[in-house]
Amino acid sequence: MTMPIAVSTNGTVTAKFVTAIANPAVPKLTELNAMSAIDLSCYLTGDGLSTETSENTTEDPRLCSKQVYEARGDFTDTMELTYVFNPKSPADDEARIGLPPGTQGFIVLRWAVDSEDALAIGDLVDVYPVEMGAQKKNTPARNGVHKITQKPFVIGAVKRDVALVA
């Protein structure tokens, strides 16, 4: 077997907050590049994007068997963001300003492609419909930067690996 080529995680995730996507299963490049879209990629800290899917198990015990079988149960998608903020410079504070609690929209993630490469038709993305939670200022640390941690509540079906269209 040939060793598959891996993609470094450094600088290879694009994250955007988009206020409107007509059909999350078929996101349009124009929707992701709309003036109201916020590019979160450089606001998020190196460990500031956390996505998780937890899947429950349904037990299926049978009277005739000594084994308990399993089946897929329901699942939950969750997300948490940690980003830098700068209230003295609105141009450097778009994430905090644009994501107040209660704001609804979509977080769109493109994985394993250099974040300096512009989004393009055919790129695969994940689309999370969200409502933004409270903005929690993190405790300051010596030799650090000011950060906010915020939970986007997933409020609809996540669309995974969907291609961007014109």
C-alpha atoms as a PDB file:
ATOM      1  CA  MET A   1       0.000   0.000   0.000  1.00  0.00           C
ATOM      2  CA  THR A   2       1.214   3.491  -0.815  1.00  0.00           C
ATOM      3  CA  MET A   3       1.332   5.925   2.104  1.00  0.00           C
ATOM      4  CA  PRO A   4      -1.489   8.477   1.668  1.00  0.00           C
ATOM      5  CA  ILE A   5      -0.428  12.125   1.747  1.00  0.00           C
ATOM      6  CA  ALA A   6      -1.742  13.882   4.850  1.00  0.00           C
ATOM      7  CA  VAL A   7      -2.727  17.564   4.998  1.00  0.00           C
ATOM      8  CA  SER A   8      -1.359  19.691   7.838  1.00  0.00           C
ATOM      9  CA  THR A   9      -4.011  21.374   9.963  1.00  0.00           C
ATOM     10  CA  ASN A  10      -1.953  24.582  10.134  1.00  0.00           C
ATOM     11  CA  GLY A  11      -3.610  27.223   7.959  1.00  0.00           C
ATOM     12  CA  THR A  12      -5.888  24.793   6.153  1.00  0.00           C
ATOM     13  CA  VAL A  13      -9.337  25.556   7.580  1.00  0.00           C
ATOM     14  CA  THR A  14     -11.560  28.356   6.345  1.00  0.00           C
ATOM     15  CA  ALA A  15     -14.396  29.430   8.640  1.00  0.00           C
ATOM     16  CA  LYS A  16     -17.131  31.894   7.702  1.00  0.00           C
ATOM     17  CA  PHE A  17     -20.307  33.146   9.344  1.00  0.00           C
ATOM     18  CA  VAL A  18     -23.022  33.728   6.748  1.00  0.00           C
ATOM     19  CA  THR A  19     -26.383  35.296   7.570  1.00  0.00           C
ATOM     20  CA  ALA A  20     -28.352  33.691   4.724  1.00  0.00           C
ATOM     21  CA  ILE A  21     -28.076  30.516   2.656  1.00  0.00           C
ATOM     22  CA  ALA A  22     -31.193  29.697   0.628  1.00  0.00           C
ATOM     23  CA  ASN A  23     -30.480  25.956   0.531  1.00  0.00           C
ATOM     24  CA  PRO A  24     -27.789  24.710   2.953  1.00  0.00           C
ATOM     25  CA  ALA A  25     -27.493  21.445   0.986  1.00  0.00           C
ATOM     26  CA  VAL A  26     -26.460  23.478  -2.077  1.00  0.00           C
ATOM     27  CA  PRO A  27     -24.606  26.583  -0.814  1.00  0.00           C
ATOM     28  CA  LYS A  28     -23.748  29.235  -3.386  1.00  0.00           C
ATOM     29  CA  LEU A  29     -20.336  30.842  -3.628  1.00  0.00           C
ATOM     30  CA  THR A  30     -22.061  34.216  -3.877  1.00  0.00           C
ATOM     31  CA  GLU A  31     -23.787  33.613  -0.509  1.00  0.00           C
ATOM     32  CA  LEU A  32     -20.452  32.864   1.171  1.00  0.00           C
ATOM     33  CA  ASN A  33     -18.857  35.935  -0.391  1.00  0.00           C
ATOM     34  CA  ALA A  34     -21.745  38.288   0.466  1.00  0.00           C
ATOM     35  CA  MET A  35     -20.838  41.610   2.084  1.00  0.00           C
ATOM     36  CA  SER A  36     -22.550  40.505   5.305  1.00  0.00           C
ATOM     37  CA  ALA A  37     -20.405  37.337   5.586  1.00  0.00           C
ATOM     38  CA  ILE A  38     -17.708  37.376   8.264  1.00  0.00           C
ATOM     39  CA  ASP A  39     -14.463  35.533   7.607  1.00  0.00           C
ATOM     40  CA  LEU A  40     -13.676  34.064  11.033  1.00  0.00           C
ATOM     41  CA  SER A  41     -10.534  32.216   9.902  1.00  0.00           C
ATOM     42  CA  CYS A  42      -8.006  34.714  11.290  1.00  0.00           C
ATOM     43  CA  TYR A  43     -10.093  35.639  14.344  1.00  0.00           C
ATOM     44  CA  LEU A  44     -10.224  32.046  15.603  1.00  0.00           C
ATOM     45  CA  THR A  45      -7.284  31.015  17.754  1.00  0.00           C
ATOM     46  CA  GLY A  46      -5.181  27.981  16.840  1.00  0.00           C
ATOM     47  CA  ASP A  47      -7.341  25.809  19.086  1.00  0.00           C
ATOM     48  CA  GLY A  48     -10.433  28.008  18.779  1.00  0.00           C
ATOM     49  CA  LEU A  49     -12.582  25.796  16.560  1.00  0.00           C
ATOM     50  CA  SER A  50     -14.113  22.800  18.279  1.00  0.00           C
ATOM     51  CA  THR A  51     -16.663  20.635  16.470  1.00  0.00           C
ATOM     52  CA  GLU A  52     -17.985  17.370  17.780  1.00  0.00           C
ATOM     53  CA  THR A  53     -20.577  14.780  16.846  1.00  0.00           C
ATOM     54  CA  SER A  54     -21.679  12.415  19.591  1.00  0.00           C
ATOM     55  CA  GLU A  55     -23.748   9.405  18.606  1.00  0.00           C
ATOM     56  CA  ASN A  56     -25.854   7.409  21.025  1.00  0.00           C
ATOM     57  CA  THR A  57     -26.319   3.667  21.024  1.00  0.00           C
ATOM     58  CA  THR A  58     -29.637   1.841  21.008  1.00  0.00           C
ATOM     59  CA  GLU A  59     -29.419  -1.526  22.769  1.00  0.00           C
ATOM     60  CA  ASP A  60     -31.214  -4.448  21.139  1.00  0.00           C
ATOM     61  CA  PRO A  61     -31.297  -7.362  23.640  1.00  0.00           C
ATOM     62  CA  ARG A  62     -33.042 -10.530  22.527  1.00  0.00           C
ATOM     63  CA  LEU A  63     -34.496 -13.258  24.716  1.00  0.00           C
ATOM     64  CA  CYS A  64     -32.914 -15.944  22.533  1.00  0.00           C
ATOM     65  CA  SER A  65     -29.386 -14.527  22.637  1.00  0.00           C
ATOM     66  CA  LYS A  66     -26.662 -14.133  25.249  1.00  0.00           C
ATOM     67  CA  GLN A  67     -25.393 -11.159  23.304  1.00  0.00           C
ATOM     68  CA  VAL A  68     -26.868  -7.677  23.373  1.00  0.00           C
ATOM     69  CA  TYR A  69     -26.869  -6.150  19.904  1.00  0.00           C
ATOM     70  CA  GLU A  70     -26.452  -2.496  19.111  1.00  0.00           C
ATOM     71  CA  ALA A  71     -27.999  -0.106  16.646  1.00  0.00           C
ATOM     72  CA  ARG A  72     -27.311   3.498  15.813  1.00  0.00           C
ATOM     73  CA  GLY A  73     -29.177   5.951  17.994  1.00  0.00           C
ATOM     74  CA  ASP A  74     -29.680   9.674  17.727  1.00  0.00           C
ATOM     75  CA  PHE A  75     -26.754  12.082  17.542  1.00  0.00           C
ATOM     76  CA  THR A  76     -25.825  15.604  18.529  1.00  0.00           C
ATOM     77  CA  ASP A  77     -23.605  18.092  16.692  1.00  0.00           C
ATOM     78  CA  THR A  78     -21.933  20.720  18.864  1.00  0.00           C
ATOM     79  CA  MET A  79     -19.503  23.546  18.276  1.00  0.00           C
ATOM     80  CA  GLU A  80     -17.507  26.084  20.255  1.00  0.00           C
ATOM     81  CA  LEU A  81     -15.479  29.051  19.031  1.00  0.00           C
ATOM     82  CA  THR A  82     -12.653  30.977  20.685  1.00  0.00           C
ATOM     83  CA  TYR A  83     -11.562  34.152  18.941  1.00  0.00           C
ATOM     84  CA  VAL A  84      -9.535  37.315  19.507  1.00  0.00           C
ATOM     85  CA  PHE A  85     -11.197  40.685  19.947  1.00  0.00           C
ATOM     86  CA  ASN A  86     -10.163  44.337  19.938  1.00  0.00           C
ATOM     87  CA  PRO A  87     -12.888  46.778  21.032  1.00  0.00           C
ATOM     88  CA  LYS A  88     -10.685  49.825  20.291  1.00  0.00           C
ATOM     89  CA  SER A  89     -10.498  48.916  16.586  1.00  0.00           C
ATOM     90  CA  PRO A  90     -13.806  47.910  14.952  1.00  0.00           C
ATOM     91  CA  ALA A  91     -11.959  46.760  11.818  1.00  0.00           C
ATOM     92  CA  ASP A  92     -10.139  44.235  14.029  1.00  0.00           C
ATOM     93  CA  ASP A  93     -13.260  43.268  15.984  1.00  0.00           C
ATOM     94  CA  GLU A  94     -15.669  41.912  13.346  1.00  0.00           C
ATOM     95  CA  ALA A  95     -16.211  38.575  15.074  1.00  0.00           C
ATOM     96  CA  ARG A  96     -17.346  40.093  18.401  1.00  0.00           C
ATOM     97  CA  ILE A  97     -19.399  42.816  16.734  1.00  0.00           C
ATOM     98  CA  GLY A  98     -20.988  40.519  14.138  1.00  0.00           C
ATOM     99  CA  LEU A  99     -21.840  37.580  16.417  1.00  0.00           C
ATOM    100  CA  PRO A 100     -23.941  39.011  19.260  1.00  0.00           C
ATOM    101  CA  PRO A 101     -25.955  36.492  21.298  1.00  0.00           C
ATOM    102  CA  GLY A 102     -29.159  35.454  19.545  1.00  0.00           C
ATOM    103  CA  THR A 103     -27.820  36.045  16.027  1.00  0.00           C
ATOM    104  CA  GLN A 104     -28.858  33.279  13.645  1.00  0.00           C
ATOM    105  CA  GLY A 105     -27.041  32.236  10.502  1.00  0.00           C
ATOM    106  CA  PHE A 106     -24.659  29.580   9.242  1.00  0.00           C
ATOM    107  CA  ILE A 107     -21.095  28.688  10.089  1.00  0.00           C
ATOM    108  CA  VAL A 108     -19.459  27.269   7.001  1.00  0.00           C
ATOM    109  CA  LEU A 109     -16.207  25.307   7.260  1.00  0.00           C
ATOM    110  CA  ARG A 110     -13.873  24.251   4.479  1.00  0.00           C
ATOM    111  CA  TRP A 111     -11.345  21.663   5.637  1.00  0.00           C
ATOM    112  CA  ALA A 112      -7.857  20.651   4.401  1.00  0.00           C
ATOM    113  CA  VAL A 113      -7.424  23.422   1.797  1.00  0.00           C
ATOM    114  CA  ASP A 114      -4.973  26.294   2.273  1.00  0.00           C
ATOM    115  CA  SER A 115      -6.960  29.096   3.894  1.00  0.00           C
ATOM    116  CA  GLU A 116      -5.185  31.610   1.645  1.00  0.00           C
ATOM    117  CA  ASP A 117      -6.891  29.972  -1.359  1.00  0.00           C
ATOM    118  CA  ALA A 118     -10.192  31.716  -2.104  1.00  0.00           C
ATOM    119  CA  LEU A 119     -13.358  29.658  -1.842  1.00  0.00           C
ATOM    120  CA  ALA A 120     -14.198  28.224  -5.250  1.00  0.00           C
ATOM    121  CA  ILE A 121     -17.004  26.417  -7.039  1.00  0.00           C
ATOM    122  CA  GLY A 122     -16.707  22.709  -6.275  1.00  0.00           C
ATOM    123  CA  ASP A 123     -15.045  23.170  -2.860  1.00  0.00           C
ATOM    124  CA  LEU A 124     -16.508  20.838  -0.236  1.00  0.00           C
ATOM    125  CA  VAL A 125     -17.818  22.560   2.885  1.00  0.00           C
ATOM    126  CA  ASP A 126     -19.771  21.749   6.035  1.00  0.00           C
ATOM    127  CA  VAL A 127     -22.758  24.016   6.755  1.00  0.00           C
ATOM    128  CA  TYR A 128     -23.919  24.431  10.369  1.00  0.00           C
ATOM    129  CA  PRO A 129     -27.182  26.355  10.976  1.00  0.00           C
ATOM    130  CA  VAL A 130     -26.588  28.141  14.287  1.00  0.00           C
ATOM    131  CA  GLU A 131     -27.821  30.610  16.856  1.00  0.00           C
ATOM    132  CA  MET A 132     -24.997  32.349  18.679  1.00  0.00           C
ATOM    133  CA  GLY A 133     -24.778  32.029  22.455  1.00  0.00           C
ATOM    134  CA  ALA A 134     -23.267  34.349  25.037  1.00  0.00           C
ATOM    135  CA  GLN A 135     -19.873  35.930  24.396  1.00  0.00           C
ATOM    136  CA  LYS A 136     -17.676  34.969  27.376  1.00  0.00           C
ATOM    137  CA  LYS A 137     -14.495  36.966  27.793  1.00  0.00           C
ATOM    138  CA  ASN A 138     -11.696  34.608  28.780  1.00  0.00           C
ATOM    139  CA  THR A 139      -9.556  35.228  31.848  1.00  0.00           C
ATOM    140  CA  PRO A 140      -6.468  37.161  30.752  1.00  0.00           C
ATOM    141  CA  ALA A 141      -3.178  35.294  30.799  1.00  0.00           C
ATOM    142  CA  ARG A 142       0.339  36.697  30.962  1.00  0.00           C
ATOM    143  CA  ASN A 143       1.917  37.078  27.531  1.00  0.00           C
ATOM    144  CA  GLY A 144      -1.392  36.306  25.838  1.00  0.00           C
ATOM    145  CA  VAL A 145      -4.107  38.065  23.879  1.00  0.00           C
ATOM    146  CA  HIS A 146      -7.690  38.858  24.839  1.00  0.00           C
ATOM    147  CA  LYS A 147     -10.125  36.190  23.703  1.00  0.00           C
ATOM    148  CA  ILE A 148     -13.821  35.404  23.712  1.00  0.00           C
ATOM    149  CA  THR A 149     -15.309  31.913  23.824  1.00  0.00           C
ATOM    150  CA  GLN A 150     -18.779  31.530  22.327  1.00  0.00           C
ATOM    151  CA  LYS A 151     -21.054  28.574  21.716  1.00  0.00           C
ATOM    152  CA  PRO A 152     -22.937  28.479  18.446  1.00  0.00           C
ATOM    153  CA  PHE A 153     -26.049  26.375  19.152  1.00  0.00           C
ATOM    154  CA  VAL A 154     -26.705  24.024  16.231  1.00  0.00           C
ATOM    155  CA  ILE A 155     -30.385  24.640  15.379  1.00  0.00           C
ATOM    156  CA  GLY A 156     -30.842  22.497  12.269  1.00  0.00           C
ATOM    157  CA  ALA A 157     -29.413  19.641  10.253  1.00  0.00           C
ATOM    158  CA  VAL A 158     -25.705  19.971   9.496  1.00  0.00           C
ATOM    159  CA  LYS A 159     -24.860  19.480   5.827  1.00  0.00           C
ATOM    160  CA  ARG A 160     -21.470  17.807   5.455  1.00  0.00           C
ATOM    161  CA  ASP A 161     -19.193  17.730   2.428  1.00  0.00           C
ATOM    162  CA  VAL A 162     -21.521  19.684   0.175  1.00  0.00           C
ATOM    163  CA  ALA A 163     -20.044  21.304  -2.937  1.00  0.00           C
ATOM    164  CA  LEU A 164     -20.166  25.056  -3.498  1.00  0.00           C
ATOM    165  CA  VAL A 165     -22.095  26.043  -6.611  1.00  0.00           C
ATOM    166  CA  ALA A 166     -22.256  29.219  -8.714  1.00  0.00           C
END
